Amino acid sequence: MPNPKRRMSKTRRDKRRTHYKAQASSVTACANCNETKLTHHACPSCGYYSGRSMFIPKS
């Protein structure tokens, strides 16, 4: 297996890693109560997901 002959500089290493960053989670409006919620999750305020009640939220 070939190995690098020279040490890779910090600049060169960091240039390769420019696209490694955290992404903000996507948020949508609930179809039932119009509160903000995470996509593909049940709404924490009303408990609905995809038009069906999944749980009864705590008051």
C-alpha atoms as a PDB file:
ATOM      1  CA  MET A   1       0.000   0.000   0.000  1.00  0.00           C
ATOM      2  CA  PRO A   2       1.377   3.410  -0.895  1.00  0.00           C
ATOM      3  CA  ASN A   3       1.985   5.833   1.926  1.00  0.00           C
ATOM      4  CA  PRO A   4       2.431   9.607   1.702  1.00  0.00           C
ATOM      5  CA  LYS A   5       6.054  10.698   1.369  1.00  0.00           C
ATOM      6  CA  ARG A   6       5.542  14.143   2.793  1.00  0.00           C
ATOM      7  CA  ARG A   7       3.433  15.474   5.619  1.00  0.00           C
ATOM      8  CA  MET A   8       0.200  17.152   4.521  1.00  0.00           C
ATOM      9  CA  SER A   9       0.065  20.797   5.560  1.00  0.00           C
ATOM     10  CA  LYS A  10      -2.693  22.139   7.791  1.00  0.00           C
ATOM     11  CA  THR A  11      -3.870  24.422   4.994  1.00  0.00           C
ATOM     12  CA  ARG A  12      -4.196  21.575   2.523  1.00  0.00           C
ATOM     13  CA  ARG A  13      -5.994  19.413   5.096  1.00  0.00           C
ATOM     14  CA  ASP A  14      -8.409  22.235   5.971  1.00  0.00           C
ATOM     15  CA  LYS A  15      -9.151  22.958   2.307  1.00  0.00           C
ATOM     16  CA  ARG A  16     -10.363  19.389   1.944  1.00  0.00           C
ATOM     17  CA  ARG A  17     -12.611  19.745   4.999  1.00  0.00           C
ATOM     18  CA  THR A  18     -14.378  22.973   3.979  1.00  0.00           C
ATOM     19  CA  HIS A  19     -17.668  21.168   3.345  1.00  0.00           C
ATOM     20  CA  TYR A  20     -17.729  19.340   6.712  1.00  0.00           C
ATOM     21  CA  LYS A  21     -20.229  21.400   8.659  1.00  0.00           C
ATOM     22  CA  ALA A  22     -23.329  20.897  10.727  1.00  0.00           C
ATOM     23  CA  GLN A  23     -26.662  21.413   9.010  1.00  0.00           C
ATOM     24  CA  ALA A  24     -29.639  23.051  10.646  1.00  0.00           C
ATOM     25  CA  SER A  25     -32.567  20.697  11.063  1.00  0.00           C
ATOM     26  CA  SER A  26     -35.488  21.442   8.759  1.00  0.00           C
ATOM     27  CA  VAL A  27     -38.655  22.767  10.356  1.00  0.00           C
ATOM     28  CA  THR A  28     -42.165  22.847   8.884  1.00  0.00           C
ATOM     29  CA  ALA A  29     -45.618  23.969   9.973  1.00  0.00           C
ATOM     30  CA  CYS A  30     -48.006  21.394  11.405  1.00  0.00           C
ATOM     31  CA  ALA A  31     -50.943  20.711   9.077  1.00  0.00           C
ATOM     32  CA  ASN A  32     -53.318  20.399  12.043  1.00  0.00           C
ATOM     33  CA  CYS A  33     -52.433  23.357  14.297  1.00  0.00           C
ATOM     34  CA  ASN A  34     -49.876  25.364  12.215  1.00  0.00           C
ATOM     35  CA  GLU A  35     -47.244  25.223  14.987  1.00  0.00           C
ATOM     36  CA  THR A  36     -43.626  24.660  13.975  1.00  0.00           C
ATOM     37  CA  LYS A  37     -42.386  21.067  14.160  1.00  0.00           C
ATOM     38  CA  LEU A  38     -39.528  18.927  12.884  1.00  0.00           C
ATOM     39  CA  THR A  39     -40.165  17.192   9.579  1.00  0.00           C
ATOM     40  CA  HIS A  40     -41.085  13.484   9.810  1.00  0.00           C
ATOM     41  CA  HIS A  41     -41.963  13.890  13.515  1.00  0.00           C
ATOM     42  CA  ALA A  42     -45.250  14.144  15.366  1.00  0.00           C
ATOM     43  CA  CYS A  43     -46.236  17.658  16.396  1.00  0.00           C
ATOM     44  CA  PRO A  44     -45.308  18.244  20.062  1.00  0.00           C
ATOM     45  CA  SER A  45     -48.146  20.712  20.635  1.00  0.00           C
ATOM     46  CA  CYS A  46     -51.127  18.753  19.234  1.00  0.00           C
ATOM     47  CA  GLY A  47     -49.757  15.197  18.863  1.00  0.00           C
ATOM     48  CA  TYR A  48     -50.777  14.740  15.220  1.00  0.00           C
ATOM     49  CA  TYR A  49     -48.683  13.206  12.450  1.00  0.00           C
ATOM     50  CA  SER A  50     -49.876  12.728   8.878  1.00  0.00           C
ATOM     51  CA  GLY A  51     -53.471  13.599   9.808  1.00  0.00           C
ATOM     52  CA  ARG A  52     -53.712  11.051  12.633  1.00  0.00           C
ATOM     53  CA  SER A  53     -53.470  11.476  16.387  1.00  0.00           C
ATOM     54  CA  MET A  54     -50.320   9.752  17.664  1.00  0.00           C
ATOM     55  CA  PHE A  55     -50.431  10.820  21.314  1.00  0.00           C
ATOM     56  CA  ILE A  56     -52.186  13.181  23.678  1.00  0.00           C
ATOM     57  CA  PRO A  57     -49.790  16.028  24.561  1.00  0.00           C
ATOM     58  CA  LYS A  58     -49.218  17.040  28.168  1.00  0.00           C
ATOM     59  CA  SER A  59     -50.815  20.365  29.118  1.00  0.00           C
END
